[in-house]
C-alpha atoms as a PDB file:
ATOM      1  CA  MET A   1     109.030 102.664 136.080  1.00  0.00           C
ATOM      2  CA  ASP A   2     109.227 105.792 133.930  1.00  0.00           C
ATOM      3  CA  PRO A   3     105.780 107.529 134.077  1.00  0.00           C
ATOM      4  CA  GLN A   4     105.980 108.474 130.386  1.00  0.00           C
ATOM      5  CA  PHE A   5     106.680 104.850 129.396  1.00  0.00           C
ATOM      6  CA  GLU A   6     103.815 103.720 131.644  1.00  0.00           C
ATOM      7  CA  ARG A   7     101.430 106.168 129.930  1.00  0.00           C
ATOM      8  CA  LYS A   8     102.509 104.915 126.500  1.00  0.00           C
ATOM      9  CA  GLU A   9     101.917 101.294 127.537  1.00  0.00           C
ATOM     10  CA  LYS A  10      98.450 102.138 128.880  1.00  0.00           C
ATOM     11  CA  THR A  11      97.590 103.991 125.668  1.00  0.00           C
ATOM     12  CA  LYS A  12      98.852 101.049 123.596  1.00  0.00           C
ATOM     13  CA  LYS A  13      96.718  98.578 125.604  1.00  0.00           C
ATOM     14  CA  LEU A  14      93.662 100.848 125.311  1.00  0.00           C
ATOM     15  CA  ASN A  15      94.131 101.127 121.527  1.00  0.00           C
ATOM     16  CA  THR A  16      94.400  97.346 121.264  1.00  0.00           C
ATOM     17  CA  ILE A  17      91.225  96.853 123.309  1.00  0.00           C
ATOM     18  CA  ILE A  18      89.348  99.344 121.099  1.00  0.00           C
ATOM     19  CA  LYS A  19      90.554  97.581 117.919  1.00  0.00           C
ATOM     20  CA  VAL A  20      89.482  94.173 119.228  1.00  0.00           C
ATOM     21  CA  LEU A  21      86.080  95.471 120.331  1.00  0.00           C
ATOM     22  CA  VAL A  22      85.382  97.236 117.011  1.00  0.00           C
ATOM     23  CA  SER A  23      86.372  94.192 114.937  1.00  0.00           C
ATOM     24  CA  LEU A  24      84.504  91.678 117.107  1.00  0.00           C
ATOM     25  CA  THR A  25      81.358  93.834 117.331  1.00  0.00           C
ATOM     26  CA  LEU A  26      81.172  94.303 113.559  1.00  0.00           C
ATOM     27  CA  ILE A  27      81.935  90.652 112.810  1.00  0.00           C
ATOM     28  CA  LEU A  28      79.245  89.437 115.235  1.00  0.00           C
ATOM     29  CA  TYR A  29      76.713  91.920 113.818  1.00  0.00           C
ATOM     30  CA  ILE A  30      77.469  90.835 110.247  1.00  0.00           C
ATOM     31  CA  VAL A  31      77.316  87.112 111.038  1.00  0.00           C
ATOM     32  CA  LEU A  32      74.163  87.290 113.165  1.00  0.00           C
ATOM     33  CA  LYS A  33      72.165  89.946 111.330  1.00  0.00           C
ATOM     34  CA  LYS A  34      73.300  90.373 107.731  1.00  0.00           C
ATOM     35  CA  VAL A  35      74.565  87.131 106.215  1.00  0.00           C
ATOM     36  CA  ASP A  36      72.562  84.568 104.292  1.00  0.00           C
ATOM     37  CA  LYS A  37      74.711  81.616 105.333  1.00  0.00           C
ATOM     38  CA  ALA A  38      73.500  79.328 102.518  1.00  0.00           C
ATOM     39  CA  GLU A  39      74.313  81.997  99.892  1.00  0.00           C
ATOM     40  CA  PHE A  40      77.677  82.639 101.552  1.00  0.00           C
ATOM     41  CA  ILE A  41      78.660  78.955 101.275  1.00  0.00           C
ATOM     42  CA  LYS A  42      77.351  78.836  97.695  1.00  0.00           C
ATOM     43  CA  ASN A  43      79.568  81.769  96.692  1.00  0.00           C
ATOM     44  CA  PHE A  44      82.638  79.826  97.765  1.00  0.00           C
ATOM     45  CA  GLU A  45      81.438  76.651  96.079  1.00  0.00           C
ATOM     46  CA  LEU A  46      81.123  78.610  92.810  1.00  0.00           C
ATOM     47  CA  LEU A  47      84.493  80.356  93.238  1.00  0.00           C
ATOM     48  CA  ASP A  48      86.445  80.605  89.971  1.00  0.00           C
ATOM     49  CA  TRP A  49      89.883  79.472  91.135  1.00  0.00           C
ATOM     50  CA  ARG A  50      91.536  80.747  87.941  1.00  0.00           C
ATOM     51  CA  PHE A  51      91.489  84.258  89.441  1.00  0.00           C
ATOM     52  CA  ILE A  52      93.325  83.289  92.646  1.00  0.00           C
ATOM     53  CA  PRO A  53      96.878  83.076  91.153  1.00  0.00           C
ATOM     54  CA  LEU A  54      96.293  86.450  89.446  1.00  0.00           C
ATOM     55  CA  ILE A  55      95.163  87.979  92.761  1.00  0.00           C
ATOM     56  CA  PHE A  56      98.257  86.616  94.500  1.00  0.00           C
ATOM     57  CA  LEU A  57     100.576  87.910  91.763  1.00  0.00           C
ATOM     58  CA  LEU A  58      99.028  91.394  91.922  1.00  0.00           C
ATOM     59  CA  ILE A  59      99.518  91.522  95.706  1.00  0.00           C
ATOM     60  CA  VAL A  60     103.171  90.493  95.280  1.00  0.00           C
ATOM     61  CA  GLY A  61     103.501  93.136  92.524  1.00  0.00           C
ATOM     62  CA  HIS A  62     102.059  95.681  94.971  1.00  0.00           C
ATOM     63  CA  TYR A  63     104.863  94.892  97.451  1.00  0.00           C
ATOM     64  CA  VAL A  64     107.575  94.946  94.754  1.00  0.00           C
ATOM     65  CA  VAL A  65     106.557  98.388  93.419  1.00  0.00           C
ATOM     66  CA  SER A  66     106.161  99.663  97.003  1.00  0.00           C
ATOM     67  CA  SER A  67     109.736  98.540  97.741  1.00  0.00           C
ATOM     68  CA  PHE A  68     111.067 100.582  94.792  1.00  0.00           C
ATOM     69  CA  ARG A  69     109.044 103.569  96.058  1.00  0.00           C
ATOM     70  CA  TRP A  70     110.586 103.163  99.506  1.00  0.00           C
ATOM     71  CA  LYS A  71     114.062 102.832  97.991  1.00  0.00           C
ATOM     72  CA  SER A  72     113.608 106.116  96.107  1.00  0.00           C
ATOM     73  CA  LEU A  73     112.812 107.900  99.370  1.00  0.00           C
ATOM     74  CA  LEU A  74     116.084 106.811 100.995  1.00  0.00           C
ATOM     75  CA  VAL A  75     117.899 110.001  99.967  1.00  0.00           C
ATOM     76  CA  HIS A  76     120.115 110.095 103.053  1.00  0.00           C
ATOM     77  CA  GLU A  77     123.766 109.146 102.468  1.00  0.00           C
ATOM     78  CA  LYS A  78     123.624 106.434 105.158  1.00  0.00           C
ATOM     79  CA  ALA A  79     120.670 104.685 103.498  1.00  0.00           C
ATOM     80  CA  LYS A  80     121.581 104.841  99.798  1.00  0.00           C
ATOM     81  CA  GLY A  81     123.262 101.429  99.925  1.00  0.00           C
ATOM     82  CA  VAL A  82     120.187  99.616 101.280  1.00  0.00           C
ATOM     83  CA  PRO A  83     119.140  97.116  98.563  1.00  0.00           C
ATOM     84  CA  VAL A  84     115.590  96.803  97.237  1.00  0.00           C
ATOM     85  CA  ARG A  85     115.518  93.087  98.104  1.00  0.00           C
ATOM     86  CA  TYR A  86     116.008  93.977 101.790  1.00  0.00           C
ATOM     87  CA  LEU A  87     113.144  96.485 101.645  1.00  0.00           C
ATOM     88  CA  LEU A  88     110.964  93.850  99.930  1.00  0.00           C
ATOM     89  CA  SER A  89     111.744  91.432 102.764  1.00  0.00           C
ATOM     90  CA  LEU A  90     110.672  94.051 105.310  1.00  0.00           C
ATOM     91  CA  TYR A  91     107.454  94.612 103.334  1.00  0.00           C
ATOM     92  CA  PHE A  92     106.539  90.928 103.432  1.00  0.00           C
ATOM     93  CA  ILE A  93     107.511  90.550 107.087  1.00  0.00           C
ATOM     94  CA  GLY A  94     105.574  93.719 107.991  1.00  0.00           C
ATOM     95  CA  ALA A  95     102.519  92.256 106.259  1.00  0.00           C
ATOM     96  CA  PHE A  96     103.005  89.044 108.245  1.00  0.00           C
ATOM     97  CA  PHE A  97     103.052  91.011 111.518  1.00  0.00           C
ATOM     98  CA  ASN A  98      99.941  92.946 110.491  1.00  0.00           C
ATOM     99  CA  ASN A  99      98.015  89.758 109.807  1.00  0.00           C
ATOM    100  CA  PHE A 100      99.257  87.386 112.490  1.00  0.00           C
ATOM    101  CA  MET A 101     100.351  89.676 115.336  1.00  0.00           C
ATOM    102  CA  PRO A 102      98.166  92.759 114.919  1.00  0.00           C
ATOM    103  CA  THR A 103      98.033  93.475 118.654  1.00  0.00           C
ATOM    104  CA  SER A 104     101.808  93.435 119.178  1.00  0.00           C
ATOM    105  CA  ILE A 105     103.498  95.519 116.470  1.00  0.00           C
ATOM    106  CA  GLY A 106     102.213  97.067 113.267  1.00  0.00           C
ATOM    107  CA  GLY A 107     103.889  96.579 109.892  1.00  0.00           C
ATOM    108  CA  ASP A 108     104.886 100.244 109.586  1.00  0.00           C
ATOM    109  CA  VAL A 109     106.426 100.305 113.071  1.00  0.00           C
ATOM    110  CA  TYR A 110     108.309  97.124 112.240  1.00  0.00           C
ATOM    111  CA  LYS A 111     109.668  98.648 109.023  1.00  0.00           C
ATOM    112  CA  MET A 112     110.669 101.889 110.788  1.00  0.00           C
ATOM    113  CA  TYR A 113     112.484  99.976 113.529  1.00  0.00           C
ATOM    114  CA  HIS A 114     114.477  97.728 111.203  1.00  0.00           C
ATOM    115  CA  MET A 115     115.343 100.524 108.793  1.00  0.00           C
ATOM    116  CA  ALA A 116     116.580 102.611 111.742  1.00  0.00           C
ATOM    117  CA  LYS A 117     118.578  99.614 112.970  1.00  0.00           C
ATOM    118  CA  LYS A 118     120.025  98.953 109.493  1.00  0.00           C
ATOM    119  CA  VAL A 119     121.313 102.499 108.937  1.00  0.00           C
ATOM    120  CA  GLY A 120     121.830 103.502 112.570  1.00  0.00           C
ATOM    121  CA  ASP A 121     119.446 106.461 112.417  1.00  0.00           C
ATOM    122  CA  PRO A 122     115.835 106.416 113.745  1.00  0.00           C
ATOM    123  CA  GLY A 123     115.022 109.609 111.818  1.00  0.00           C
ATOM    124  CA  ILE A 124     115.657 107.905 108.485  1.00  0.00           C
ATOM    125  CA  GLY A 125     113.370 105.005 109.431  1.00  0.00           C
ATOM    126  CA  PHE A 126     110.519 107.331 110.390  1.00  0.00           C
ATOM    127  CA  SER A 127     110.867 109.868 107.553  1.00  0.00           C
ATOM    128  CA  SER A 128     111.076 107.309 104.724  1.00  0.00           C
ATOM    129  CA  VAL A 129     108.232 105.093 105.954  1.00  0.00           C
ATOM    130  CA  PHE A 130     105.988 108.019 106.872  1.00  0.00           C
ATOM    131  CA  THR A 131     106.537 109.823 103.535  1.00  0.00           C
ATOM    132  CA  GLU A 132     105.927 106.587 101.655  1.00  0.00           C
ATOM    133  CA  ARG A 133     102.624 106.165 103.493  1.00  0.00           C
ATOM    134  CA  PHE A 134     101.731 109.863 103.020  1.00  0.00           C
ATOM    135  CA  THR A 135     102.284 109.817  99.232  1.00  0.00           C
ATOM    136  CA  GLY A 136     100.212 106.646  99.052  1.00  0.00           C
ATOM    137  CA  ILE A 137      97.265 108.239 100.855  1.00  0.00           C
ATOM    138  CA  VAL A 138      97.451 111.434  98.746  1.00  0.00           C
ATOM    139  CA  MET A 139      97.477 109.462  95.489  1.00  0.00           C
ATOM    140  CA  LEU A 140      94.674 107.210  96.741  1.00  0.00           C
ATOM    141  CA  ALA A 141      92.500 110.255  97.379  1.00  0.00           C
ATOM    142  CA  LEU A 142      93.432 111.663  93.964  1.00  0.00           C
ATOM    143  CA  ILE A 143      92.423 108.425  92.200  1.00  0.00           C
ATOM    144  CA  ALA A 144      89.063 108.441  93.992  1.00  0.00           C
ATOM    145  CA  LEU A 145      88.561 112.061  92.944  1.00  0.00           C
ATOM    146  CA  LEU A 146      89.470 111.483  89.285  1.00  0.00           C
ATOM    147  CA  SER A 147      87.143 108.468  89.105  1.00  0.00           C
ATOM    148  CA  MET A 148      84.259 110.916  89.469  1.00  0.00           C
ATOM    149  CA  THR A 149      85.147 112.701  86.195  1.00  0.00           C
ATOM    150  CA  LYS A 150      82.410 110.822  84.286  1.00  0.00           C
ATOM    151  CA  THR A 151      79.782 112.004  86.781  1.00  0.00           C
ATOM    152  CA  LEU A 152      81.008 115.535  87.526  1.00  0.00           C
ATOM    153  CA  GLY A 153      82.416 116.571  84.132  1.00  0.00           C
ATOM    154  CA  PHE A 154      84.193 119.949  84.367  1.00  0.00           C
ATOM    155  CA  GLY A 155      83.142 120.146  88.019  1.00  0.00           C
ATOM    156  CA  ILE A 156      86.083 117.843  88.698  1.00  0.00           C
ATOM    157  CA  LEU A 157      88.449 120.789  88.056  1.00  0.00           C
ATOM    158  CA  VAL A 158      86.969 122.659  90.999  1.00  0.00           C
ATOM    159  CA  LEU A 159      87.417 119.622  93.230  1.00  0.00           C
ATOM    160  CA  LEU A 160      91.006 119.178  92.014  1.00  0.00           C
ATOM    161  CA  ILE A 161      91.812 122.797  92.883  1.00  0.00           C
ATOM    162  CA  TRP A 162      90.326 122.281  96.357  1.00  0.00           C
ATOM    163  CA  PHE A 163      92.269 119.042  96.717  1.00  0.00           C
ATOM    164  CA  ILE A 164      95.601 120.710  95.875  1.00  0.00           C
ATOM    165  CA  LEU A 165      94.790 123.634  98.182  1.00  0.00           C
ATOM    166  CA  GLY A 166      93.908 121.160 100.928  1.00  0.00           C
ATOM    167  CA  VAL A 167      97.307 119.461 100.642  1.00  0.00           C
ATOM    168  CA  TYR A 168      99.118 122.812 100.809  1.00  0.00           C
ATOM    169  CA  ILE A 169      96.995 124.052 103.734  1.00  0.00           C
ATOM    170  CA  GLY A 170      97.618 120.769 105.547  1.00  0.00           C
ATOM    171  CA  ILE A 171     101.407 121.079 105.175  1.00  0.00           C
ATOM    172  CA  PHE A 172     101.303 124.783 106.156  1.00  0.00           C
ATOM    173  CA  SER A 173      99.238 123.894 109.259  1.00  0.00           C
ATOM    174  CA  LEU A 174     101.798 121.228 110.128  1.00  0.00           C
ATOM    175  CA  LYS A 175     104.532 123.859 109.958  1.00  0.00           C
ATOM    176  CA  LEU A 176     102.611 126.170 112.298  1.00  0.00           C
ATOM    177  CA  LEU A 177     101.877 123.417 114.825  1.00  0.00           C
ATOM    178  CA  SER A 178     105.219 121.612 114.565  1.00  0.00           C
ATOM    179  CA  GLY A 179     106.765 123.721 117.325  1.00  0.00           C
ATOM    180  CA  LYS A 180     103.845 123.167 119.705  1.00  0.00           C
ATOM    181  CA  ILE A 181     103.025 119.466 119.273  1.00  0.00           C
ATOM    182  CA  LYS A 182     105.955 117.053 119.338  1.00  0.00           C
ATOM    183  CA  PHE A 183     104.447 114.388 117.061  1.00  0.00           C
ATOM    184  CA  LEU A 184     103.368 116.953 114.434  1.00  0.00           C
ATOM    185  CA  GLY A 185     106.891 118.360 114.532  1.00  0.00           C
ATOM    186  CA  LYS A 186     108.208 114.895 113.787  1.00  0.00           C
ATOM    187  CA  VAL A 187     105.767 114.527 110.886  1.00  0.00           C
ATOM    188  CA  TYR A 188     106.647 117.946 109.433  1.00  0.00           C
ATOM    189  CA  ASN A 189     110.385 117.228 109.662  1.00  0.00           C
ATOM    190  CA  ALA A 190     109.829 113.876 107.934  1.00  0.00           C
ATOM    191  CA  LEU A 191     108.146 115.589 104.979  1.00  0.00           C
ATOM    192  CA  ILE A 192     110.330 118.701 104.707  1.00  0.00           C
ATOM    193  CA  ILE A 193     113.435 116.558 104.115  1.00  0.00           C
ATOM    194  CA  TYR A 194     112.175 115.966 100.563  1.00  0.00           C
ATOM    195  CA  LYS A 195     111.645 119.664  99.785  1.00  0.00           C
ATOM    196  CA  ASN A 196     114.937 119.683  97.832  1.00  0.00           C
ATOM    197  CA  TYR A 197     114.210 116.387  96.061  1.00  0.00           C
ATOM    198  CA  PRO A 198     111.288 117.115  93.683  1.00  0.00           C
ATOM    199  CA  LYS A 199     112.235 114.243  91.343  1.00  0.00           C
ATOM    200  CA  VAL A 200     112.237 111.807  94.261  1.00  0.00           C
ATOM    201  CA  LEU A 201     108.777 112.991  95.341  1.00  0.00           C
ATOM    202  CA  GLY A 202     107.582 112.778  91.740  1.00  0.00           C
ATOM    203  CA  PHE A 203     108.802 109.188  91.444  1.00  0.00           C
ATOM    204  CA  ALA A 204     107.233 108.334  94.832  1.00  0.00           C
ATOM    205  CA  MET A 205     103.879 109.720  93.661  1.00  0.00           C
ATOM    206  CA  LEU A 206     104.077 107.915  90.306  1.00  0.00           C
ATOM    207  CA  THR A 207     104.837 104.593  91.977  1.00  0.00           C
ATOM    208  CA  SER A 208     102.095 105.311  94.522  1.00  0.00           C
ATOM    209  CA  ILE A 209      99.598 105.537  91.649  1.00  0.00           C
ATOM    210  CA  ILE A 210     100.821 102.166  90.326  1.00  0.00           C
ATOM    211  CA  VAL A 211     100.581 100.640  93.817  1.00  0.00           C
ATOM    212  CA  GLN A 212      97.025 101.874  94.318  1.00  0.00           C
ATOM    213  CA  VAL A 213      95.919 100.731  90.850  1.00  0.00           C
ATOM    214  CA  LEU A 214      97.326  97.276  91.622  1.00  0.00           C
ATOM    215  CA  SER A 215      95.405  97.274  94.913  1.00  0.00           C
ATOM    216  CA  ILE A 216      92.177  98.271  93.139  1.00  0.00           C
ATOM    217  CA  PHE A 217      92.561  95.446  90.614  1.00  0.00           C
ATOM    218  CA  VAL A 218      93.272  92.918  93.376  1.00  0.00           C
ATOM    219  CA  GLN A 219      89.915  93.773  94.925  1.00  0.00           C
ATOM    220  CA  TYR A 220      88.193  94.045  91.532  1.00  0.00           C
ATOM    221  CA  PHE A 221      89.279  90.478  90.673  1.00  0.00           C
ATOM    222  CA  THR A 222      88.030  89.144  94.030  1.00  0.00           C
ATOM    223  CA  PHE A 223      84.542  90.104  92.814  1.00  0.00           C
ATOM    224  CA  MET A 224      85.240  88.599  89.401  1.00  0.00           C
ATOM    225  CA  ALA A 225      86.240  85.339  91.147  1.00  0.00           C
ATOM    226  CA  ILE A 226      82.669  85.005  92.450  1.00  0.00           C
ATOM    227  CA  GLY A 227      81.057  86.041  89.173  1.00  0.00           C
ATOM    228  CA  VAL A 228      80.406  89.732  89.872  1.00  0.00           C
ATOM    229  CA  ARG A 229      81.594  92.452  87.491  1.00  0.00           C
ATOM    230  CA  ILE A 230      81.762  95.815  89.243  1.00  0.00           C
ATOM    231  CA  PRO A 231      81.521  98.913  86.947  1.00  0.00           C
ATOM    232  CA  ILE A 232      85.155  99.945  86.496  1.00  0.00           C
ATOM    233  CA  PHE A 233      84.580 103.651  87.240  1.00  0.00           C
ATOM    234  CA  TYR A 234      82.773 102.713  90.422  1.00  0.00           C
ATOM    235  CA  ALA A 235      85.623 100.338  91.378  1.00  0.00           C
ATOM    236  CA  PHE A 236      88.145 103.197  91.065  1.00  0.00           C
ATOM    237  CA  LEU A 237      85.983 105.287  93.395  1.00  0.00           C
ATOM    238  CA  ALA A 238      84.754 102.665  95.868  1.00  0.00           C
ATOM    239  CA  PHE A 239      87.964 100.778  96.671  1.00  0.00           C
ATOM    240  CA  PRO A 240      90.055 103.892  97.439  1.00  0.00           C
ATOM    241  CA  VAL A 241      87.219 105.303  99.587  1.00  0.00           C
ATOM    242  CA  ILE A 242      86.940 102.005 101.493  1.00  0.00           C
ATOM    243  CA  THR A 243      90.713 102.019 102.077  1.00  0.00           C
ATOM    244  CA  LEU A 244      90.758 105.664 103.196  1.00  0.00           C
ATOM    245  CA  VAL A 245      87.824 105.242 105.576  1.00  0.00           C
ATOM    246  CA  GLY A 246      89.439 102.072 106.924  1.00  0.00           C
ATOM    247  CA  PHE A 247      92.543 104.089 107.924  1.00  0.00           C
ATOM    248  CA  PHE A 248      90.494 106.144 110.374  1.00  0.00           C
ATOM    249  CA  ILE A 249      88.418 103.369 111.977  1.00  0.00           C
ATOM    250  CA  PRO A 250      90.337 101.283 114.528  1.00  0.00           C
ATOM    251  CA  SER A 251      90.258  97.535 113.863  1.00  0.00           C
ATOM    252  CA  LEU A 252      92.422  94.419 113.726  1.00  0.00           C
ATOM    253  CA  ASN A 253      93.920  94.855 110.259  1.00  0.00           C
ATOM    254  CA  GLY A 254      90.554  95.775 108.739  1.00  0.00           C
ATOM    255  CA  PHE A 255      88.604  92.751 109.956  1.00  0.00           C
ATOM    256  CA  GLY A 256      84.977  93.700 110.447  1.00  0.00           C
ATOM    257  CA  VAL A 257      85.461  97.259 109.189  1.00  0.00           C
ATOM    258  CA  GLN A 258      86.450  96.308 105.634  1.00  0.00           C
ATOM    259  CA  ASP A 259      83.638  93.748 105.490  1.00  0.00           C
ATOM    260  CA  ALA A 260      80.994  96.238 106.644  1.00  0.00           C
ATOM    261  CA  LEU A 261      82.280  98.861 104.178  1.00  0.00           C
ATOM    262  CA  TYR A 262      82.190  96.377 101.294  1.00  0.00           C
ATOM    263  CA  MET A 263      78.604  95.416 102.133  1.00  0.00           C
ATOM    264  CA  SER A 264      77.311  99.002 102.373  1.00  0.00           C
ATOM    265  CA  THR A 265      79.350 100.440  99.474  1.00  0.00           C
ATOM    266  CA  PHE A 266      78.562  97.791  96.873  1.00  0.00           C
ATOM    267  CA  ALA A 267      74.894  97.571  97.813  1.00  0.00           C
ATOM    268  CA  ILE A 268      74.661 100.930  95.986  1.00  0.00           C
ATOM    269  CA  VAL A 269      75.384  99.180  92.661  1.00  0.00           C
ATOM    270  CA  GLY A 270      73.114  96.241  93.417  1.00  0.00           C
ATOM    271  CA  VAL A 271      75.585  93.724  94.849  1.00  0.00           C
ATOM    272  CA  PRO A 272      73.884  91.563  97.548  1.00  0.00           C
ATOM    273  CA  VAL A 273      75.450  92.075 100.983  1.00  0.00           C
ATOM    274  CA  THR A 274      76.395  88.401 101.307  1.00  0.00           C
ATOM    275  CA  THR A 275      78.174  88.484  97.933  1.00  0.00           C
ATOM    276  CA  ALA A 276      80.081  91.631  98.913  1.00  0.00           C
ATOM    277  CA  LEU A 277      81.066  89.949 102.189  1.00  0.00           C
ATOM    278  CA  SER A 278      82.284  86.881 100.265  1.00  0.00           C
ATOM    279  CA  ALA A 279      84.533  89.122  98.124  1.00  0.00           C
ATOM    280  CA  SER A 280      85.873  90.832 101.252  1.00  0.00           C
ATOM    281  CA  ILE A 281      86.684  87.469 102.859  1.00  0.00           C
ATOM    282  CA  ILE A 282      88.524  86.343  99.697  1.00  0.00           C
ATOM    283  CA  TYR A 283      90.554  89.562  99.844  1.00  0.00           C
ATOM    284  CA  HIS A 284      91.397  88.946 103.540  1.00  0.00           C
ATOM    285  CA  ILE A 285      92.452  85.348 102.807  1.00  0.00           C
ATOM    286  CA  SER A 286      94.538  86.400  99.787  1.00  0.00           C
ATOM    287  CA  ARG A 287      96.461  89.015 101.769  1.00  0.00           C
ATOM    288  CA  ILE A 288      97.001  86.568 104.618  1.00  0.00           C
ATOM    289  CA  GLY A 289      98.200  83.903 102.171  1.00  0.00           C
ATOM    290  CA  VAL A 290     100.759  86.188 100.549  1.00  0.00           C
ATOM    291  CA  SER A 291     101.956  87.470 103.934  1.00  0.00           C
ATOM    292  CA  LEU A 292     102.973  83.903 104.859  1.00  0.00           C
ATOM    293  CA  ILE A 293     106.002  84.582 102.645  1.00  0.00           C
ATOM    294  CA  GLY A 294     106.914  87.170 105.279  1.00  0.00           C
ATOM    295  CA  GLY A 295     106.658  84.530 107.995  1.00  0.00           C
ATOM    296  CA  VAL A 296     109.170  82.355 106.147  1.00  0.00           C
ATOM    297  CA  LEU A 297     111.521  85.327 105.572  1.00  0.00           C
ATOM    298  CA  TYR A 298     111.262  86.268 109.262  1.00  0.00           C
ATOM    299  CA  ALA A 299     112.104  82.687 110.312  1.00  0.00           C
ATOM    300  CA  LEU A 300     115.139  82.805 107.978  1.00  0.00           C
ATOM    301  CA  GLY A 301     116.304  86.095 109.516  1.00  0.00           C
ATOM    302  CA  LYS A 302     115.998  88.124 106.328  1.00  0.00           C
ATOM    303  CA  ASP A 303     115.238  91.298 108.319  1.00  0.00           C
ATOM    304  CA  ALA A 304     118.745  91.422 109.764  1.00  0.00           C
END
């Protein structure tokens, strides 16, 4: 067996073990130490079901807008003919893999593989999916920053300058390290493709803002469904921060990590930990429910 392949397999298995351990440890800690089980059950008994269709529609809207964002990033001649409906199918199927097979293949890897297969070029698969994810993260951080305007006043301008500088320094550092570290070289090449397409990047960033706002409102309405109204400015700060922190903590699709972050973050504005956990569980269930569409599409071979 190829030693490099063997190393990759070992790393993959180790990453999976870490994800499982982190999720299980946090879930056990929450269940055994933090949750008022009677209150938890009561929250679901009092659930306002009128919000559930809205939550589902917003998640679907999130995928639809994301598909148009992805389509805009397919600037390569080989990929221009790929229809949005195909990209939307990959989004749903990727979500299905994330939720039901998180230890086998991630949604982004799935999308990269099938895009590469569709157009016959692995570079297109990686560059488009990575840049889509990158613009999403940058806009998520920007939304969190702007949500602090009410608190910081003109101080927000200083933070915005630092934010823009940080993005430029990050890209410049990538350029310096791209020749030394293979993966960073791949990342830099994925981004630099769009240097000559400012309108494409602008559209990707605009749609990223829409995607993140939809995601914020999905989570906002999960709280509304159990009778809790989060201050809107705090929602636009807290949900992006939770998402960003969740990117850097290994877990099985956010299970355990998201729940713990909800409990600690919303305790600041007086939400009981069990109520915050209930909202997090509703969010998990809603995402899983919508991703079942991906399971149907996968069974029908819509990723071909």
